[in-house]
Amino acid sequence: MRFHSLPESKRYAVTEEEYATLLKRQHAILADLGAAQELIAITCEWSADPSPRRREPDLERVAPGEHWRTVLENETEEPEARTYTHLYVGPLTNLPATFDPLLREVADFETAGVIIAPRGLGWLVHPYDGGVDVMTATRAERDALRSRHLEWLSQHQGGL
C-alpha cells in the first residue's frame, strides 16, 4: 500500500509546515500499525566493493546500525560494473526527536532504501521521497489502514 506524504501528491516538502504534514502522516501510519516505542531500522549504503564501507556520517547519526549483510545487485553484470548494497540494522526509538531526522533525510532524498519495522517484523514501512510504502501481514490489516487514510492515496490508476 502506498501513501503520499503531502497533499496533491507533492513530492518534496519545502516549508516547515509541509515537513510537519509529512511527519504527521508518517507517524499516523506507524501509530495505526501499532508501532511500539522500540523499532528497528534497516538502512543501505552502496558501493562497487563487496566489503562493507564506512557509513555516511549523517546516516549513521540518525540511524546507527551494525553491518548485517551485503547483497550483489546483479550477478550478470561485468565485475567492474557491479553494485553491492550493504545493509545495516539497528534499533530506532519511535520518538520524534530521534525518529524524525531519519524521516526527513529520506523525504529529502539524502538517503534511500530504508525499512522500518517492529522487532517481530509483523509489518514493514518503507519511506521514500514522496511518501511511504507499507507491507502488512494480512489483507485485512492493509484494507483497514487504507480505509483510514483514503485521502493520502494516489489518484493514479496504478496507485503510484
Protein backbone atom coordinates (compact mmCIF):
# COMPACT_ATOMS: atom_id res chain seq x y z
CA MET A 1 0.00 0.00 0.00
CA ARG A 2 1.43 3.38 -0.96
CA PHE A 3 0.60 6.62 0.85
CA HIS A 4 1.69 10.07 -0.21
CA SER A 5 3.28 12.33 2.39
CA LEU A 6 1.92 15.63 1.10
CA PRO A 7 -1.41 16.82 -0.30
CA GLU A 8 -1.94 16.57 -4.06
CA SER A 9 0.93 14.05 -4.26
CA LYS A 10 3.54 16.79 -3.93
CA ARG A 11 6.89 15.02 -3.82
CA TYR A 12 9.15 17.28 -1.72
CA ALA A 13 8.46 19.42 1.33
CA VAL A 14 9.70 22.98 1.03
CA THR A 15 8.36 24.69 4.14
CA GLU A 16 8.36 23.66 7.78
CA GLU A 17 4.57 23.43 7.53
CA GLU A 18 4.93 20.83 4.77
CA TYR A 19 7.51 18.91 6.81
CA ALA A 20 5.06 18.92 9.73
CA THR A 21 2.36 17.46 7.46
CA LEU A 22 4.74 14.82 6.12
CA LEU A 23 5.86 13.77 9.60
CA LYS A 24 2.31 13.81 10.96
CA ARG A 25 1.13 11.46 8.21
CA GLN A 26 4.02 9.06 8.64
CA HIS A 27 3.61 8.99 12.42
CA ALA A 28 -0.13 8.36 11.99
CA ILE A 29 0.55 5.36 9.77
CA LEU A 30 3.06 3.97 12.25
CA ALA A 31 0.61 4.51 15.11
CA ASP A 32 -2.15 2.75 13.17
CA LEU A 33 0.19 -0.19 12.66
CA GLY A 34 0.71 -0.32 16.42
CA ALA A 35 4.31 0.83 16.34
CA ALA A 36 5.94 0.26 19.69
CA GLN A 37 8.48 2.64 21.11
CA GLU A 38 11.31 0.35 20.04
CA LEU A 39 11.59 -0.37 16.32
CA ILE A 40 14.37 -1.46 14.02
CA ALA A 41 15.70 0.39 11.01
CA ILE A 42 17.39 -1.23 8.06
CA THR A 43 19.47 1.24 6.08
CA CYS A 44 21.65 0.88 2.99
CA GLU A 45 24.94 2.03 1.61
CA TRP A 46 26.03 1.22 -1.95
CA SER A 47 29.47 0.62 -3.44
CA ALA A 48 31.37 -1.20 -6.16
CA ASP A 49 33.21 -3.17 -3.46
CA PRO A 50 31.77 -6.30 -1.80
CA SER A 51 33.29 -5.25 1.53
CA PRO A 52 31.10 -3.00 3.68
CA ARG A 53 32.23 0.56 3.64
CA ARG A 54 32.21 3.20 6.30
CA ARG A 55 28.70 4.60 6.56
CA GLU A 56 27.83 8.16 5.66
CA PRO A 57 28.15 10.18 8.90
CA ASP A 58 24.71 11.78 8.59
CA LEU A 59 23.02 8.41 8.13
CA GLU A 60 24.99 6.85 10.99
CA ARG A 61 23.93 9.77 13.19
CA VAL A 62 20.18 9.41 12.50
CA ALA A 63 20.09 5.59 12.25
CA PRO A 64 23.01 3.92 13.99
CA GLY A 65 23.42 0.31 13.00
CA GLU A 66 25.69 -2.66 12.54
CA HIS A 67 26.50 -4.28 9.21
CA TRP A 68 24.04 -7.12 8.66
CA ARG A 69 24.74 -8.37 5.16
CA THR A 70 25.85 -7.40 1.69
CA VAL A 71 23.84 -8.13 -1.43
CA LEU A 72 25.12 -8.17 -5.01
CA GLU A 73 22.63 -6.21 -7.11
CA ASN A 74 23.09 -8.01 -10.44
CA GLU A 75 25.38 -11.03 -10.78
CA THR A 76 25.21 -10.96 -14.57
CA GLU A 77 26.97 -7.61 -14.88
CA GLU A 78 30.66 -7.48 -15.60
CA PRO A 79 32.66 -7.40 -12.36
CA GLU A 80 33.76 -3.79 -12.88
CA ALA A 81 30.11 -2.69 -13.27
CA ARG A 82 28.67 -4.50 -10.24
CA THR A 83 26.99 -2.71 -7.39
CA TYR A 84 26.76 -4.02 -3.84
CA THR A 85 24.15 -2.99 -1.30
CA HIS A 86 25.44 -3.05 2.26
CA LEU A 87 22.57 -3.44 4.73
CA TYR A 88 22.81 -2.14 8.28
CA VAL A 89 20.34 -2.82 11.06
CA GLY A 90 19.92 -1.07 14.36
CA PRO A 91 17.38 -0.03 16.97
CA LEU A 92 15.26 3.02 16.32
CA THR A 93 13.34 4.76 19.06
CA ASN A 94 9.87 5.83 17.94
CA LEU A 95 10.17 9.32 19.41
CA PRO A 96 10.08 12.44 17.22
CA ALA A 97 13.41 13.78 18.46
CA THR A 98 15.24 10.63 17.33
CA PHE A 99 12.97 9.36 14.57
CA ASP A 100 12.13 12.49 12.58
CA PRO A 101 15.68 13.24 11.40
CA LEU A 102 15.75 9.88 9.58
CA LEU A 103 12.32 10.50 8.03
CA ARG A 104 13.46 13.95 6.89
CA GLU A 105 16.65 12.57 5.32
CA VAL A 106 14.55 10.10 3.35
CA ALA A 107 12.00 12.78 2.39
CA ASP A 108 14.81 15.00 1.08
CA PHE A 109 16.33 12.06 -0.85
CA GLU A 110 19.51 12.27 1.19
CA THR A 111 19.21 8.53 1.76
CA ALA A 112 17.09 5.72 0.34
CA GLY A 113 16.32 2.07 0.88
CA VAL A 114 15.19 2.50 4.49
CA ILE A 115 12.91 -0.11 6.07
CA ILE A 116 11.28 0.46 9.47
CA ALA A 117 9.68 -2.44 11.34
CA PRO A 118 8.85 -3.80 14.76
CA ARG A 119 11.26 -6.42 16.13
CA GLY A 120 8.93 -9.27 15.12
CA LEU A 121 8.70 -7.96 11.53
CA GLY A 122 4.89 -8.06 11.63
CA TRP A 123 4.82 -5.21 9.11
CA LEU A 124 7.31 -3.19 7.09
CA VAL A 125 7.33 0.52 6.33
CA HIS A 126 9.48 1.84 3.50
CA PRO A 127 9.56 5.65 3.46
CA TYR A 128 10.71 7.26 0.24
CA ASP A 129 10.92 10.80 -1.11
CA GLY A 130 7.25 11.46 -1.67
CA GLY A 131 5.57 9.00 0.64
CA VAL A 132 5.66 5.66 2.33
CA ASP A 133 5.04 2.08 1.21
CA VAL A 134 3.52 -0.23 3.81
CA MET A 135 3.53 -4.03 3.82
CA THR A 136 1.19 -5.65 6.32
CA ALA A 137 0.87 -9.27 7.37
CA THR A 138 -2.73 -9.59 6.18
CA ARG A 139 -5.07 -8.09 3.62
CA ALA A 140 -7.45 -7.13 6.43
CA GLU A 141 -4.72 -5.01 8.07
CA ARG A 142 -3.89 -3.44 4.74
CA ASP A 143 -7.51 -2.67 3.96
CA ALA A 144 -8.12 -1.18 7.42
CA LEU A 145 -5.10 1.10 7.04
CA ARG A 146 -6.20 2.08 3.55
CA SER A 147 -9.72 2.96 4.70
CA ARG A 148 -8.37 5.21 7.47
CA HIS A 149 -6.23 7.24 5.06
CA LEU A 150 -8.02 7.28 1.71
CA GLU A 151 -7.14 10.94 1.15
CA TRP A 152 -3.42 10.08 1.25
CA LEU A 153 -3.64 7.55 -1.58
CA SER A 154 -2.50 8.32 -5.09
CA GLN A 155 -5.15 9.21 -7.63
CA HIS A 156 -3.05 7.41 -10.27
CA GLN A 157 -4.76 4.31 -11.69
CA GLY A 158 -1.85 2.09 -10.61
CA GLY A 159 -1.75 3.56 -7.11
CA LEU A 160 1.70 5.09 -7.55
